Amino acid sequence: MNQTEYNRMAKIFNYVYSTPPNTAEREKRLAEIGEEDASELWDFYLGICSGRIKAPEVAGKEREMSIASGRERIANYEDFLTASRNGRYDLLCEFKRCNPEAYACYAEQMGASLGHKKPKKTRDVERLVEEKKKRSEILAIQDTMERHKAIYENMALFRR
């Protein structure tokens, strides 16, 4: 791999891997680069992991653009993490207002929302509401035989 190939792959690597793992944003970026480049990127990544290739510096184009504009903003996941750790709520609020989907994705990835962990109770409450709705639908069945059959099939909903 010569220097121009390395620079091109480093640019693609920074573009794709500046997003959080296992997210729609990363999948979108992988789809944008094409299958051939994705294959080369995978080889590049394996080379970095094995130590065969030196890891490129993480200095993404977006970060350079945000610094060049002279205005602080959250351009990628690393900026989001830095703003969260440093308590820059002004940047976080602006980012949430401008990019609610990316904010939700980043917050979920980090496991926090403005520095506070999302309570597990929220998911439990949602599940309980759905179970209650399903039980009500079953109990509203007029035919006794059908209602008993539905209760039998959904016995886990009625055990408490």
N, C-alpha and C. Protein backbone atom coordinates (compact mmCIF):
# COMPACT_ATOMS: atom_id res chain seq x y z
N MET A 1 0.86 -1.17 0.00
CA MET A 1 0.00 0.00 0.00
C MET A 1 0.90 1.23 0.00
N ASN A 2 0.74 2.04 -1.03
CA ASN A 2 1.56 3.25 -1.10
C ASN A 2 0.87 4.38 -0.31
N GLN A 3 1.53 5.52 -0.25
CA GLN A 3 1.07 6.64 0.59
C GLN A 3 -0.28 7.20 0.11
N THR A 4 -0.49 7.28 -1.20
CA THR A 4 -1.77 7.82 -1.68
C THR A 4 -2.93 6.89 -1.34
N GLU A 5 -2.70 5.57 -1.47
CA GLU A 5 -3.74 4.62 -1.09
C GLU A 5 -4.02 4.70 0.41
N TYR A 6 -2.94 4.81 1.20
CA TYR A 6 -3.10 4.93 2.65
C TYR A 6 -3.90 6.18 3.01
N ASN A 7 -3.59 7.30 2.38
CA ASN A 7 -4.31 8.54 2.66
C ASN A 7 -5.78 8.43 2.29
N ARG A 8 -6.05 7.80 1.14
CA ARG A 8 -7.45 7.62 0.72
C ARG A 8 -8.20 6.73 1.70
N MET A 9 -7.58 5.62 2.12
CA MET A 9 -8.24 4.72 3.06
C MET A 9 -8.39 5.36 4.45
N ALA A 10 -7.40 6.16 4.84
CA ALA A 10 -7.49 6.86 6.12
C ALA A 10 -8.66 7.84 6.11
N LYS A 11 -8.85 8.50 4.98
CA LYS A 11 -9.97 9.45 4.84
C LYS A 11 -11.30 8.70 4.94
N ILE A 12 -11.42 7.58 4.25
CA ILE A 12 -12.64 6.77 4.31
C ILE A 12 -12.84 6.22 5.72
N PHE A 13 -11.74 5.74 6.32
CA PHE A 13 -11.79 5.20 7.69
C PHE A 13 -12.32 6.25 8.66
N ASN A 14 -11.78 7.46 8.60
CA ASN A 14 -12.24 8.54 9.49
C ASN A 14 -13.70 8.90 9.22
N TYR A 15 -14.10 8.87 7.96
CA TYR A 15 -15.49 9.21 7.60
C TYR A 15 -16.46 8.19 8.21
N VAL A 16 -16.15 6.91 8.07
CA VAL A 16 -17.05 5.86 8.55
C VAL A 16 -16.97 5.69 10.06
N TYR A 17 -15.76 5.64 10.60
CA TYR A 17 -15.60 5.31 12.01
C TYR A 17 -15.71 6.52 12.94
N SER A 18 -16.07 7.68 12.42
CA SER A 18 -16.34 8.82 13.30
C SER A 18 -17.77 8.74 13.84
N THR A 19 -18.53 7.75 13.38
CA THR A 19 -19.89 7.54 13.88
C THR A 19 -19.87 6.43 14.92
N PRO A 20 -20.85 6.41 15.82
CA PRO A 20 -20.87 5.34 16.82
C PRO A 20 -21.15 3.98 16.19
N PRO A 21 -20.61 2.92 16.78
CA PRO A 21 -20.82 1.59 16.23
C PRO A 21 -22.26 1.13 16.36
N ASN A 22 -22.66 0.23 15.48
CA ASN A 22 -23.99 -0.39 15.49
C ASN A 22 -25.12 0.63 15.40
N THR A 23 -24.96 1.62 14.55
CA THR A 23 -26.00 2.63 14.38
C THR A 23 -26.39 2.74 12.91
N ALA A 24 -27.53 3.33 12.70
CA ALA A 24 -28.01 3.54 11.33
C ALA A 24 -27.10 4.50 10.58
N GLU A 25 -26.53 5.46 11.30
CA GLU A 25 -25.65 6.44 10.67
C GLU A 25 -24.41 5.76 10.09
N ARG A 26 -23.82 4.82 10.85
CA ARG A 26 -22.64 4.12 10.34
C ARG A 26 -23.02 3.23 9.16
N GLU A 27 -24.15 2.55 9.26
CA GLU A 27 -24.61 1.72 8.15
C GLU A 27 -24.83 2.56 6.89
N LYS A 28 -25.37 3.75 7.07
CA LYS A 28 -25.61 4.65 5.94
C LYS A 28 -24.28 5.04 5.29
N ARG A 29 -23.30 5.36 6.13
CA ARG A 29 -22.00 5.76 5.58
C ARG A 29 -21.31 4.59 4.88
N LEU A 30 -21.44 3.39 5.43
CA LEU A 30 -20.86 2.22 4.78
C LEU A 30 -21.53 1.97 3.43
N ALA A 31 -22.83 2.19 3.36
CA ALA A 31 -23.55 2.00 2.10
C ALA A 31 -23.12 3.06 1.07
N GLU A 32 -22.82 4.27 1.55
CA GLU A 32 -22.43 5.35 0.64
C GLU A 32 -21.10 5.08 -0.05
N ILE A 33 -20.18 4.43 0.65
CA ILE A 33 -18.83 4.28 0.08
C ILE A 33 -18.75 3.19 -0.98
N GLY A 34 -19.72 2.31 -1.05
CA GLY A 34 -19.71 1.27 -2.07
C GLY A 34 -19.08 -0.01 -1.57
N GLU A 35 -19.36 -1.10 -2.27
CA GLU A 35 -18.93 -2.41 -1.83
C GLU A 35 -17.42 -2.61 -1.95
N GLU A 36 -16.84 -2.13 -3.03
CA GLU A 36 -15.39 -2.29 -3.23
C GLU A 36 -14.60 -1.55 -2.16
N ASP A 37 -14.99 -0.28 -1.91
CA ASP A 37 -14.32 0.50 -0.87
C ASP A 37 -14.58 -0.09 0.51
N ALA A 38 -15.77 -0.64 0.72
CA ALA A 38 -16.08 -1.26 2.01
C ALA A 38 -15.18 -2.48 2.24
N SER A 39 -14.95 -3.24 1.19
CA SER A 39 -14.06 -4.39 1.28
C SER A 39 -12.63 -3.95 1.58
N GLU A 40 -12.17 -2.92 0.89
CA GLU A 40 -10.84 -2.37 1.16
C GLU A 40 -10.75 -1.79 2.56
N LEU A 41 -11.83 -1.16 3.01
CA LEU A 41 -11.87 -0.60 4.37
C LEU A 41 -11.75 -1.71 5.40
N TRP A 42 -12.42 -2.83 5.17
CA TRP A 42 -12.34 -3.96 6.09
C TRP A 42 -10.90 -4.48 6.16
N ASP A 43 -10.24 -4.63 5.00
CA ASP A 43 -8.84 -5.04 4.99
C ASP A 43 -7.97 -4.03 5.72
N PHE A 44 -8.23 -2.76 5.52
CA PHE A 44 -7.50 -1.69 6.20
C PHE A 44 -7.69 -1.80 7.71
N TYR A 45 -8.93 -2.02 8.14
CA TYR A 45 -9.25 -2.14 9.56
C TYR A 45 -8.53 -3.36 10.17
N LEU A 46 -8.54 -4.49 9.45
CA LEU A 46 -7.84 -5.68 9.94
C LEU A 46 -6.34 -5.43 10.03
N GLY A 47 -5.80 -4.68 9.08
CA GLY A 47 -4.39 -4.32 9.11
C GLY A 47 -4.07 -3.46 10.32
N ILE A 48 -4.96 -2.55 10.67
CA ILE A 48 -4.75 -1.71 11.86
C ILE A 48 -4.80 -2.57 13.11
N CYS A 49 -5.80 -3.47 13.19
CA CYS A 49 -5.94 -4.33 14.36
C CYS A 49 -4.74 -5.26 14.54
N SER A 50 -4.19 -5.75 13.43
CA SER A 50 -3.06 -6.67 13.52
C SER A 50 -1.73 -5.95 13.72
N GLY A 51 -1.72 -4.64 13.53
CA GLY A 51 -0.48 -3.89 13.68
C GLY A 51 0.31 -3.77 12.39
N ARG A 52 -0.21 -4.32 11.32
CA ARG A 52 0.46 -4.27 10.02
C ARG A 52 0.43 -2.86 9.43
N ILE A 53 -0.65 -2.12 9.76
CA ILE A 53 -0.82 -0.76 9.26
C ILE A 53 -0.94 0.17 10.45
N LYS A 54 -0.30 1.33 10.34
CA LYS A 54 -0.39 2.33 11.41
C LYS A 54 -1.77 2.97 11.38
N ALA A 55 -2.39 3.10 12.55
CA ALA A 55 -3.72 3.70 12.64
C ALA A 55 -3.65 5.18 12.28
N PRO A 56 -4.59 5.65 11.46
CA PRO A 56 -4.58 7.07 11.10
C PRO A 56 -5.03 7.94 12.27
N GLU A 57 -4.59 9.19 12.25
CA GLU A 57 -5.03 10.12 13.29
C GLU A 57 -6.49 10.44 13.05
N VAL A 58 -7.23 10.58 14.14
CA VAL A 58 -8.65 10.91 14.02
C VAL A 58 -8.77 12.42 13.97
N ALA A 59 -8.77 12.91 12.76
CA ALA A 59 -8.95 14.34 12.54
C ALA A 59 -9.87 14.46 11.35
N GLY A 60 -11.12 14.24 11.60
CA GLY A 60 -12.11 14.20 10.53
C GLY A 60 -12.33 15.55 9.88
N LYS A 61 -12.83 15.49 8.67
CA LYS A 61 -13.13 16.68 7.88
C LYS A 61 -14.17 17.55 8.59
N GLU A 62 -15.16 16.90 9.21
CA GLU A 62 -16.20 17.65 9.90
C GLU A 62 -15.63 18.47 11.05
N ARG A 63 -14.69 17.86 11.81
CA ARG A 63 -14.08 18.56 12.94
C ARG A 63 -13.29 19.76 12.44
N GLU A 64 -12.55 19.57 11.33
CA GLU A 64 -11.79 20.67 10.77
C GLU A 64 -12.71 21.79 10.32
N MET A 65 -13.84 21.43 9.74
CA MET A 65 -14.80 22.44 9.29
C MET A 65 -15.37 23.21 10.47
N SER A 66 -15.67 22.51 11.59
CA SER A 66 -16.26 23.21 12.72
C SER A 66 -15.24 24.14 13.38
N ILE A 67 -13.97 23.76 13.37
CA ILE A 67 -12.94 24.62 13.94
C ILE A 67 -12.67 25.79 13.00
N ALA A 68 -12.65 25.51 11.68
CA ALA A 68 -12.37 26.56 10.71
C ALA A 68 -13.47 27.63 10.70
N SER A 69 -14.69 27.24 10.97
CA SER A 69 -15.77 28.22 10.97
C SER A 69 -15.71 29.12 12.19
N GLY A 70 -14.90 28.76 13.19
CA GLY A 70 -14.76 29.59 14.37
C GLY A 70 -15.93 29.45 15.34
N ARG A 71 -16.84 28.55 15.03
CA ARG A 71 -18.01 28.35 15.86
C ARG A 71 -18.00 26.93 16.41
N GLU A 72 -18.16 26.81 17.70
CA GLU A 72 -18.17 25.46 18.27
C GLU A 72 -19.50 24.81 17.96
N ARG A 73 -19.43 23.54 17.58
CA ARG A 73 -20.64 22.76 17.34
C ARG A 73 -20.28 21.29 17.44
N ILE A 74 -21.29 20.48 17.56
CA ILE A 74 -21.09 19.04 17.62
C ILE A 74 -21.21 18.51 16.20
N ALA A 75 -20.11 17.98 15.68
CA ALA A 75 -20.09 17.51 14.31
C ALA A 75 -20.09 15.99 14.21
N ASN A 76 -19.70 15.30 15.29
CA ASN A 76 -19.66 13.85 15.25
C ASN A 76 -19.77 13.30 16.67
N TYR A 77 -19.67 11.99 16.79
CA TYR A 77 -19.86 11.32 18.08
C TYR A 77 -18.79 11.72 19.10
N GLU A 78 -17.55 11.91 18.65
CA GLU A 78 -16.49 12.31 19.58
C GLU A 78 -16.78 13.68 20.18
N ASP A 79 -17.27 14.61 19.35
CA ASP A 79 -17.65 15.93 19.85
C ASP A 79 -18.78 15.82 20.87
N PHE A 80 -19.73 14.92 20.59
CA PHE A 80 -20.85 14.71 21.51
C PHE A 80 -20.34 14.21 22.86
N LEU A 81 -19.44 13.23 22.84
CA LEU A 81 -18.90 12.70 24.09
C LEU A 81 -18.12 13.77 24.86
N THR A 82 -17.32 14.55 24.15
CA THR A 82 -16.54 15.61 24.79
C THR A 82 -17.46 16.64 25.43
N ALA A 83 -18.50 17.04 24.72
CA ALA A 83 -19.44 18.02 25.26
C ALA A 83 -20.17 17.46 26.47
N SER A 84 -20.51 16.19 26.44
CA SER A 84 -21.19 15.56 27.58
C SER A 84 -20.28 15.50 28.80
N ARG A 85 -19.04 15.10 28.58
CA ARG A 85 -18.10 14.98 29.70
C ARG A 85 -17.75 16.33 30.31
N ASN A 86 -17.71 17.35 29.46
CA ASN A 86 -17.33 18.68 29.95
C ASN A 86 -18.52 19.51 30.42
N GLY A 87 -19.71 18.95 30.34
CA GLY A 87 -20.89 19.67 30.80
C GLY A 87 -21.29 20.82 29.91
N ARG A 88 -21.04 20.73 28.63
CA ARG A 88 -21.39 21.79 27.68
C ARG A 88 -22.84 21.61 27.25
N TYR A 89 -23.75 21.94 28.14
CA TYR A 89 -25.17 21.74 27.88
C TYR A 89 -25.69 22.65 26.77
N ASP A 90 -25.05 23.81 26.59
CA ASP A 90 -25.48 24.69 25.50
C ASP A 90 -25.27 24.02 24.15
N LEU A 91 -24.11 23.38 23.97
CA LEU A 91 -23.85 22.67 22.72
C LEU A 91 -24.76 21.47 22.56
N LEU A 92 -24.99 20.75 23.66
CA LEU A 92 -25.85 19.57 23.60
C LEU A 92 -27.29 19.96 23.25
N CYS A 93 -27.78 21.02 23.84
CA CYS A 93 -29.15 21.46 23.56
C CYS A 93 -29.30 21.93 22.11
N GLU A 94 -28.30 22.65 21.62
CA GLU A 94 -28.34 23.10 20.22
C GLU A 94 -28.32 21.91 19.27
N PHE A 95 -27.47 20.93 19.59
CA PHE A 95 -27.37 19.73 18.77
C PHE A 95 -28.69 18.96 18.79
N LYS A 96 -29.30 18.86 19.97
CA LYS A 96 -30.57 18.14 20.09
C LYS A 96 -31.66 18.84 19.29
N ARG A 97 -31.67 20.17 19.30
CA ARG A 97 -32.67 20.93 18.56
C ARG A 97 -32.48 20.77 17.05
N CYS A 98 -31.23 20.81 16.60
CA CYS A 98 -30.95 20.74 15.16
C CYS A 98 -30.99 19.32 14.60
N ASN A 99 -30.56 18.34 15.40
CA ASN A 99 -30.46 16.96 14.93
C ASN A 99 -31.06 16.00 15.96
N PRO A 100 -32.37 15.98 16.13
CA PRO A 100 -32.96 15.14 17.18
C PRO A 100 -32.70 13.65 16.99
N GLU A 101 -32.67 13.18 15.73
CA GLU A 101 -32.44 11.76 15.48
C GLU A 101 -31.01 11.36 15.84
N ALA A 102 -30.05 12.17 15.42
CA ALA A 102 -28.65 11.88 15.74
C ALA A 102 -28.41 11.99 17.24
N TYR A 103 -29.04 12.98 17.88
CA TYR A 103 -28.90 13.13 19.33
C TYR A 103 -29.41 11.89 20.04
N ALA A 104 -30.58 11.41 19.65
CA ALA A 104 -31.16 10.22 20.28
C ALA A 104 -30.25 9.01 20.09
N CYS A 105 -29.71 8.89 18.90
CA CYS A 105 -28.80 7.78 18.59
C CYS A 105 -27.54 7.86 19.44
N TYR A 106 -26.94 9.05 19.50
CA TYR A 106 -25.72 9.24 20.29
C TYR A 106 -25.99 9.03 21.77
N ALA A 107 -27.12 9.55 22.27
CA ALA A 107 -27.45 9.42 23.69
C ALA A 107 -27.70 7.96 24.04
N GLU A 108 -28.37 7.24 23.14
CA GLU A 108 -28.61 5.82 23.38
C GLU A 108 -27.30 5.05 23.37
N GLN A 109 -26.42 5.41 22.44
CA GLN A 109 -25.13 4.74 22.34
C GLN A 109 -24.31 4.99 23.60
N MET A 110 -24.35 6.18 24.10
CA MET A 110 -23.59 6.51 25.30
C MET A 110 -24.29 5.99 26.54
N GLY A 111 -25.59 5.72 26.43
CA GLY A 111 -26.33 5.23 27.57
C GLY A 111 -26.74 6.35 28.50
N ALA A 112 -26.84 7.56 27.94
CA ALA A 112 -27.19 8.69 28.79
C ALA A 112 -27.99 9.71 28.00
N SER A 113 -28.66 10.55 28.73
CA SER A 113 -29.38 11.65 28.12
C SER A 113 -29.02 12.90 28.92
N LEU A 114 -28.20 13.75 28.33
CA LEU A 114 -27.66 14.93 29.01
C LEU A 114 -26.94 14.56 30.31
N GLY A 115 -26.23 13.46 30.28
CA GLY A 115 -25.42 13.08 31.43
C GLY A 115 -26.15 12.24 32.46
N HIS A 116 -27.44 12.02 32.31
CA HIS A 116 -28.18 11.21 33.26
C HIS A 116 -28.55 9.90 32.60
N LYS A 117 -28.36 8.80 33.33
CA LYS A 117 -28.68 7.50 32.77
C LYS A 117 -30.18 7.35 32.59
N LYS A 118 -30.57 6.77 31.48
CA LYS A 118 -31.98 6.53 31.20
C LYS A 118 -32.44 5.43 32.14
N PRO A 119 -33.50 5.68 32.89
CA PRO A 119 -33.93 4.67 33.85
C PRO A 119 -34.49 3.43 33.17
N LYS A 120 -34.19 2.30 33.75
CA LYS A 120 -34.69 1.04 33.24
C LYS A 120 -36.20 0.96 33.43
N LYS A 121 -36.71 1.72 34.41
CA LYS A 121 -38.13 1.71 34.71
C LYS A 121 -38.97 2.15 33.51
N THR A 122 -38.45 3.04 32.69
CA THR A 122 -39.20 3.54 31.54
C THR A 122 -39.60 2.40 30.62
N ARG A 123 -38.65 1.52 30.34
CA ARG A 123 -38.95 0.37 29.48
C ARG A 123 -39.93 -0.57 30.16
N ASP A 124 -39.77 -0.77 31.49
CA ASP A 124 -40.67 -1.64 32.22
C ASP A 124 -42.09 -1.09 32.22
N VAL A 125 -42.23 0.22 32.38
CA VAL A 125 -43.56 0.83 32.37
C VAL A 125 -44.22 0.64 31.02
N GLU A 126 -43.46 0.85 29.95
CA GLU A 126 -44.01 0.66 28.60
C GLU A 126 -44.47 -0.78 28.40
N ARG A 127 -43.67 -1.73 28.88
CA ARG A 127 -44.04 -3.14 28.75
C ARG A 127 -45.29 -3.44 29.55
N LEU A 128 -45.40 -2.92 30.77
CA LEU A 128 -46.57 -3.15 31.60
C LEU A 128 -47.83 -2.56 30.98
N VAL A 129 -47.71 -1.39 30.38
CA VAL A 129 -48.86 -0.77 29.72
C VAL A 129 -49.33 -1.64 28.56
N GLU A 130 -48.38 -2.16 27.78
CA GLU A 130 -48.75 -3.04 26.66
C GLU A 130 -49.42 -4.32 27.16
N GLU A 131 -48.90 -4.89 28.26
CA GLU A 131 -49.50 -6.10 28.81
C GLU A 131 -50.92 -5.83 29.30
N LYS A 132 -51.11 -4.70 29.97
CA LYS A 132 -52.44 -4.34 30.47
C LYS A 132 -53.42 -4.18 29.31
N LYS A 133 -52.97 -3.54 28.24
CA LYS A 133 -53.82 -3.36 27.06
C LYS A 133 -54.22 -4.70 26.48
N LYS A 134 -53.26 -5.62 26.37
CA LYS A 134 -53.53 -6.94 25.82
C LYS A 134 -54.50 -7.71 26.71
N ARG A 135 -54.30 -7.64 28.05
CA ARG A 135 -55.22 -8.31 28.98
C ARG A 135 -56.63 -7.76 28.83
N SER A 136 -56.76 -6.45 28.72
CA SER A 136 -58.08 -5.82 28.57
C SER A 136 -58.77 -6.29 27.30
N GLU A 137 -58.00 -6.41 26.21
CA GLU A 137 -58.57 -6.90 24.96
C GLU A 137 -59.07 -8.33 25.10
N ILE A 138 -58.29 -9.15 25.80
CA ILE A 138 -58.69 -10.55 25.99
C ILE A 138 -59.94 -10.64 26.86
N LEU A 139 -59.96 -9.88 27.94
CA LEU A 139 -61.11 -9.93 28.85
C LEU A 139 -62.37 -9.34 28.25
N ALA A 140 -62.21 -8.53 27.20
CA ALA A 140 -63.36 -7.93 26.54
C ALA A 140 -64.04 -8.88 25.55
N ILE A 141 -63.46 -10.04 25.31
CA ILE A 141 -64.06 -11.02 24.40
C ILE A 141 -65.36 -11.52 25.02
N GLN A 142 -66.46 -11.45 24.26
CA GLN A 142 -67.78 -11.80 24.79
C GLN A 142 -67.99 -13.30 24.91
N ASP A 143 -67.55 -14.05 23.91
CA ASP A 143 -67.74 -15.50 23.93
C ASP A 143 -66.84 -16.13 24.99
N THR A 144 -67.45 -16.86 25.93
CA THR A 144 -66.72 -17.42 27.06
C THR A 144 -65.64 -18.40 26.61
N MET A 145 -65.96 -19.27 25.69
CA MET A 145 -64.99 -20.26 25.22
C MET A 145 -63.79 -19.59 24.55
N GLU A 146 -64.06 -18.59 23.70
CA GLU A 146 -62.96 -17.88 23.04
C GLU A 146 -62.10 -17.13 24.05
N ARG A 147 -62.77 -16.50 25.05
CA ARG A 147 -62.04 -15.76 26.07
C ARG A 147 -61.13 -16.69 26.87
N HIS A 148 -61.65 -17.87 27.27
CA HIS A 148 -60.84 -18.83 28.03
C HIS A 148 -59.68 -19.36 27.19
N LYS A 149 -59.95 -19.57 25.91
CA LYS A 149 -58.89 -20.03 25.01
C LYS A 149 -57.78 -18.96 24.90
N ALA A 150 -58.19 -17.68 24.75
CA ALA A 150 -57.22 -16.59 24.65
C ALA A 150 -56.42 -16.44 25.96
N ILE A 151 -57.12 -16.62 27.09
CA ILE A 151 -56.42 -16.56 28.39
C ILE A 151 -55.41 -17.69 28.49
N TYR A 152 -55.79 -18.87 28.08
CA TYR A 152 -54.90 -20.03 28.13
C TYR A 152 -53.67 -19.81 27.24
N GLU A 153 -53.87 -19.24 26.05
CA GLU A 153 -52.77 -19.00 25.13
C GLU A 153 -51.84 -17.89 25.61
N ASN A 154 -52.37 -16.97 26.42
CA ASN A 154 -51.57 -15.85 26.93
C ASN A 154 -51.47 -15.89 28.45
N MET A 155 -51.25 -17.08 28.97
CA MET A 155 -51.25 -17.29 30.42
C MET A 155 -50.20 -16.44 31.13
N ALA A 156 -49.09 -16.15 30.48
CA ALA A 156 -48.03 -15.36 31.09
C ALA A 156 -48.51 -13.95 31.44
N LEU A 157 -49.48 -13.43 30.69
CA LEU A 157 -50.02 -12.10 30.96
C LEU A 157 -50.86 -12.07 32.24
N PHE A 158 -51.42 -13.22 32.61
CA PHE A 158 -52.34 -13.24 33.74
C PHE A 158 -51.69 -13.74 35.03
N ARG A 159 -50.45 -14.13 34.99
CA ARG A 159 -49.75 -14.59 36.19
C ARG A 159 -49.10 -13.39 36.87
N ARG A 160 -49.51 -13.12 38.06
CA ARG A 160 -48.91 -12.02 38.84
C ARG A 160 -49.13 -12.27 40.29
